[in-house]
């Protein structure tokens, strides 16, 4: 039995995080967590429309936490330098 990969539903989230690689970016998740992200690695399970993301591992960033989340949980992406909401709820 073959399952077709559903089309991704998170291109805007991934594109923005890739464009900001190397810059501090704040991610707000649906459970209220706030993560500081400098870079991402991501992938999809064959049945998923949303990527799983690991942060700050390639390259490793001194004093930055390594976190793991689903793009489905992203509520907002913020530039911590000026507080601008780059994506999501304001």
N, C-alpha and C. Protein backbone atom coordinates (compact mmCIF):
# COMPACT_ATOMS: atom_id res chain seq x y z
N UNK A 1 0.84 -1.17 0.00
CA UNK A 1 0.00 0.00 0.00
C UNK A 1 0.89 1.24 0.00
N UNK A 2 0.60 2.16 -0.88
CA UNK A 2 1.37 3.38 -0.99
C UNK A 2 0.54 4.56 -0.51
N UNK A 3 1.16 5.40 0.27
CA UNK A 3 0.49 6.60 0.74
C UNK A 3 1.18 7.80 0.12
N UNK A 4 0.40 8.64 -0.54
CA UNK A 4 0.97 9.86 -1.11
C UNK A 4 1.24 10.86 0.00
N UNK A 5 2.36 11.53 -0.10
CA UNK A 5 2.70 12.59 0.86
C UNK A 5 1.71 13.73 0.65
N UNK A 6 1.02 14.16 1.71
CA UNK A 6 0.14 15.31 1.54
C UNK A 6 0.97 16.57 1.29
N UNK A 7 0.40 17.55 0.60
CA UNK A 7 1.18 18.77 0.35
C UNK A 7 1.48 19.51 1.65
N UNK A 8 2.66 20.09 1.76
CA UNK A 8 3.02 20.83 2.96
C UNK A 8 2.07 22.00 3.20
N UNK A 9 1.80 22.28 4.47
CA UNK A 9 0.94 23.39 4.85
C UNK A 9 1.71 24.44 5.64
N UNK A 10 3.03 24.41 5.54
CA UNK A 10 3.84 25.26 6.40
C UNK A 10 4.96 25.98 5.66
N UNK A 11 4.79 26.18 4.35
CA UNK A 11 5.87 26.80 3.58
C UNK A 11 6.25 28.17 4.10
N UNK A 12 5.29 28.99 4.51
CA UNK A 12 5.59 30.34 4.97
C UNK A 12 6.46 30.31 6.23
N UNK A 13 6.14 29.41 7.16
CA UNK A 13 6.92 29.29 8.40
C UNK A 13 8.35 28.88 8.08
N UNK A 14 8.51 27.83 7.30
CA UNK A 14 9.86 27.34 6.98
C UNK A 14 10.66 28.35 6.17
N UNK A 15 10.02 28.99 5.21
CA UNK A 15 10.71 29.98 4.37
C UNK A 15 11.23 31.14 5.24
N UNK A 16 10.39 31.65 6.14
CA UNK A 16 10.80 32.76 6.99
C UNK A 16 11.96 32.37 7.90
N UNK A 17 11.88 31.19 8.51
CA UNK A 17 12.97 30.75 9.39
C UNK A 17 14.27 30.54 8.61
N UNK A 18 14.17 30.04 7.39
CA UNK A 18 15.37 29.87 6.56
C UNK A 18 15.96 31.22 6.18
N UNK A 19 15.11 32.19 5.83
CA UNK A 19 15.58 33.52 5.46
C UNK A 19 16.30 34.21 6.62
N UNK A 20 15.89 33.90 7.85
CA UNK A 20 16.47 34.53 9.04
C UNK A 20 17.60 33.72 9.65
N UNK A 21 18.10 32.72 8.95
CA UNK A 21 19.18 31.89 9.47
C UNK A 21 20.33 32.76 9.96
N UNK A 22 20.76 32.52 11.20
CA UNK A 22 21.84 33.28 11.81
C UNK A 22 21.37 34.45 12.64
N UNK A 23 20.10 34.85 12.48
CA UNK A 23 19.52 35.95 13.26
C UNK A 23 18.62 35.38 14.35
N UNK A 24 18.64 35.98 15.51
CA UNK A 24 17.73 35.55 16.56
C UNK A 24 16.29 35.78 16.10
N UNK A 25 15.47 34.76 16.26
CA UNK A 25 14.06 34.83 15.90
C UNK A 25 13.28 34.17 17.02
N UNK A 26 12.20 34.81 17.46
CA UNK A 26 11.39 34.24 18.53
C UNK A 26 10.18 33.53 17.92
N UNK A 27 9.99 32.29 18.33
CA UNK A 27 8.85 31.49 17.91
C UNK A 27 7.91 31.37 19.10
N UNK A 28 6.63 31.67 18.88
CA UNK A 28 5.62 31.48 19.91
C UNK A 28 4.80 30.26 19.51
N UNK A 29 4.72 29.29 20.42
CA UNK A 29 3.98 28.05 20.15
C UNK A 29 2.60 28.10 20.79
N UNK A 30 1.72 27.24 20.32
CA UNK A 30 0.33 27.22 20.79
C UNK A 30 0.20 26.91 22.28
N UNK A 31 1.21 26.28 22.88
CA UNK A 31 1.17 25.99 24.32
C UNK A 31 1.76 27.12 25.15
N UNK A 32 2.11 28.24 24.50
CA UNK A 32 2.64 29.39 25.20
C UNK A 32 4.15 29.46 25.26
N UNK A 33 4.84 28.38 24.89
CA UNK A 33 6.31 28.41 24.89
C UNK A 33 6.82 29.47 23.92
N UNK A 34 7.93 30.08 24.29
CA UNK A 34 8.63 31.02 23.42
C UNK A 34 10.04 30.50 23.24
N UNK A 35 10.42 30.27 22.00
CA UNK A 35 11.73 29.71 21.68
C UNK A 35 12.55 30.74 20.93
N UNK A 36 13.84 30.80 21.23
CA UNK A 36 14.75 31.64 20.45
C UNK A 36 15.48 30.73 19.47
N UNK A 37 15.33 31.06 18.20
CA UNK A 37 15.83 30.21 17.12
C UNK A 37 16.84 30.99 16.28
N UNK A 38 17.97 30.35 15.98
CA UNK A 38 18.97 30.93 15.10
C UNK A 38 19.07 30.16 13.79
N UNK A 39 18.77 28.86 13.80
CA UNK A 39 18.80 28.04 12.59
C UNK A 39 17.93 26.82 12.81
N UNK A 40 17.55 26.19 11.71
CA UNK A 40 16.66 25.02 11.81
C UNK A 40 17.12 23.89 10.91
N UNK A 41 16.73 22.70 11.32
CA UNK A 41 16.77 21.50 10.48
C UNK A 41 15.37 20.92 10.58
N UNK A 42 14.80 20.44 9.48
CA UNK A 42 13.42 19.99 9.51
C UNK A 42 13.22 18.79 8.59
N UNK A 43 12.10 18.13 8.80
CA UNK A 43 11.73 17.00 7.96
C UNK A 43 10.25 16.71 8.15
N UNK A 44 9.74 15.82 7.30
CA UNK A 44 8.32 15.45 7.34
C UNK A 44 8.20 13.94 7.50
N UNK A 45 7.23 13.52 8.26
CA UNK A 45 6.83 12.13 8.25
C UNK A 45 5.99 11.95 6.98
N UNK A 46 5.96 10.77 6.38
CA UNK A 46 5.25 10.58 5.12
C UNK A 46 3.77 10.95 5.16
N UNK A 47 3.17 10.91 6.30
CA UNK A 47 1.73 11.17 6.43
C UNK A 47 1.43 12.58 6.92
N UNK A 48 2.44 13.40 7.14
CA UNK A 48 2.26 14.72 7.76
C UNK A 48 2.32 15.86 6.74
N UNK A 49 1.53 16.90 7.01
CA UNK A 49 1.55 18.13 6.22
C UNK A 49 2.41 19.20 6.86
N UNK A 50 2.79 18.98 8.11
CA UNK A 50 3.58 19.94 8.88
C UNK A 50 4.91 19.30 9.28
N UNK A 51 5.96 20.08 9.16
CA UNK A 51 7.31 19.57 9.45
C UNK A 51 7.57 19.51 10.95
N UNK A 52 8.47 18.61 11.32
CA UNK A 52 9.04 18.63 12.67
C UNK A 52 10.37 19.37 12.53
N UNK A 53 10.64 20.25 13.48
CA UNK A 53 11.77 21.16 13.39
C UNK A 53 12.67 20.99 14.61
N UNK A 54 13.97 20.92 14.37
CA UNK A 54 14.96 20.96 15.44
C UNK A 54 15.72 22.28 15.27
N UNK A 55 15.94 22.98 16.38
CA UNK A 55 16.55 24.30 16.31
C UNK A 55 17.98 24.32 16.83
N UNK A 56 18.75 25.24 16.30
CA UNK A 56 20.06 25.63 16.83
C UNK A 56 21.08 24.49 16.88
N UNK A 57 21.04 23.60 15.87
CA UNK A 57 22.01 22.50 15.87
C UNK A 57 23.00 22.54 14.72
N UNK A 58 22.72 23.30 13.67
CA UNK A 58 23.59 23.27 12.52
C UNK A 58 23.75 24.66 11.92
N UNK A 59 24.72 25.43 12.34
CA UNK A 59 25.71 25.08 13.36
C UNK A 59 25.16 25.28 14.76
N UNK A 60 25.81 24.64 15.71
CA UNK A 60 25.45 24.83 17.11
C UNK A 60 25.72 26.26 17.53
N UNK A 61 24.86 26.79 18.38
CA UNK A 61 24.99 28.17 18.85
C UNK A 61 25.26 28.13 20.36
N UNK A 62 26.38 28.71 20.78
CA UNK A 62 26.71 28.74 22.21
C UNK A 62 25.58 29.41 22.99
N UNK A 63 25.20 28.82 24.09
CA UNK A 63 24.17 29.35 25.00
C UNK A 63 22.76 29.35 24.40
N UNK A 64 22.55 28.73 23.26
CA UNK A 64 21.20 28.64 22.68
C UNK A 64 20.67 27.23 22.89
N UNK A 65 19.45 27.14 23.38
CA UNK A 65 18.83 25.84 23.62
C UNK A 65 18.52 25.15 22.30
N UNK A 66 18.63 23.84 22.31
CA UNK A 66 18.17 23.02 21.19
C UNK A 66 16.74 22.64 21.50
N UNK A 67 15.83 22.98 20.60
CA UNK A 67 14.41 22.70 20.80
C UNK A 67 13.87 21.91 19.63
N UNK A 68 12.69 21.32 19.84
CA UNK A 68 12.02 20.49 18.83
C UNK A 68 10.54 20.86 18.86
N UNK A 69 9.95 21.12 17.69
CA UNK A 69 8.53 21.46 17.63
C UNK A 69 7.97 21.12 16.25
N UNK A 70 6.66 21.10 16.16
CA UNK A 70 5.97 20.93 14.89
C UNK A 70 5.59 22.31 14.37
N UNK A 71 5.71 22.53 13.08
CA UNK A 71 5.31 23.82 12.52
C UNK A 71 3.82 24.07 12.73
N UNK A 72 3.05 23.02 12.94
CA UNK A 72 1.62 23.18 13.20
C UNK A 72 1.37 23.94 14.50
N UNK A 73 2.32 23.90 15.43
CA UNK A 73 2.17 24.56 16.73
C UNK A 73 2.59 26.02 16.72
N UNK A 74 3.12 26.52 15.60
CA UNK A 74 3.60 27.91 15.56
C UNK A 74 2.42 28.87 15.49
N UNK A 75 2.37 29.77 16.46
CA UNK A 75 1.32 30.80 16.52
C UNK A 75 1.84 32.11 15.94
N UNK A 76 3.11 32.42 16.22
CA UNK A 76 3.69 33.68 15.73
C UNK A 76 5.20 33.54 15.62
N UNK A 77 5.76 34.35 14.72
CA UNK A 77 7.21 34.48 14.58
C UNK A 77 7.51 35.97 14.74
N UNK A 78 8.43 36.27 15.66
CA UNK A 78 8.70 37.65 16.05
C UNK A 78 10.19 37.96 15.90
N UNK A 79 10.49 39.19 15.47
CA UNK A 79 11.86 39.68 15.47
C UNK A 79 12.13 40.26 16.85
N UNK A 80 12.95 39.60 17.68
CA UNK A 80 13.15 40.10 19.04
C UNK A 80 13.93 41.42 19.10
N UNK A 81 14.58 41.80 18.01
CA UNK A 81 15.33 43.05 17.99
C UNK A 81 14.41 44.27 18.08
N UNK A 82 13.20 44.14 17.49
CA UNK A 82 12.29 45.28 17.48
C UNK A 82 10.85 44.93 17.86
N UNK A 83 10.59 43.65 18.14
CA UNK A 83 9.25 43.21 18.53
C UNK A 83 8.27 43.06 17.38
N UNK A 84 8.74 43.23 16.15
CA UNK A 84 7.85 43.13 14.99
C UNK A 84 7.36 41.70 14.82
N UNK A 85 6.05 41.55 14.60
CA UNK A 85 5.47 40.25 14.31
C UNK A 85 5.68 40.00 12.82
N UNK A 86 6.47 38.98 12.52
CA UNK A 86 6.82 38.67 11.13
C UNK A 86 5.81 37.74 10.49
N UNK A 87 5.15 36.93 11.32
CA UNK A 87 4.16 35.98 10.82
C UNK A 87 3.25 35.60 11.97
N UNK A 88 1.96 35.53 11.70
CA UNK A 88 1.03 35.07 12.72
C UNK A 88 0.32 36.20 13.43
N UNK A 89 -0.23 35.86 14.59
CA UNK A 89 -1.04 36.80 15.36
C UNK A 89 -0.20 37.96 15.86
N UNK A 90 -0.81 39.12 15.87
CA UNK A 90 -0.10 40.30 16.38
C UNK A 90 -0.59 40.66 17.77
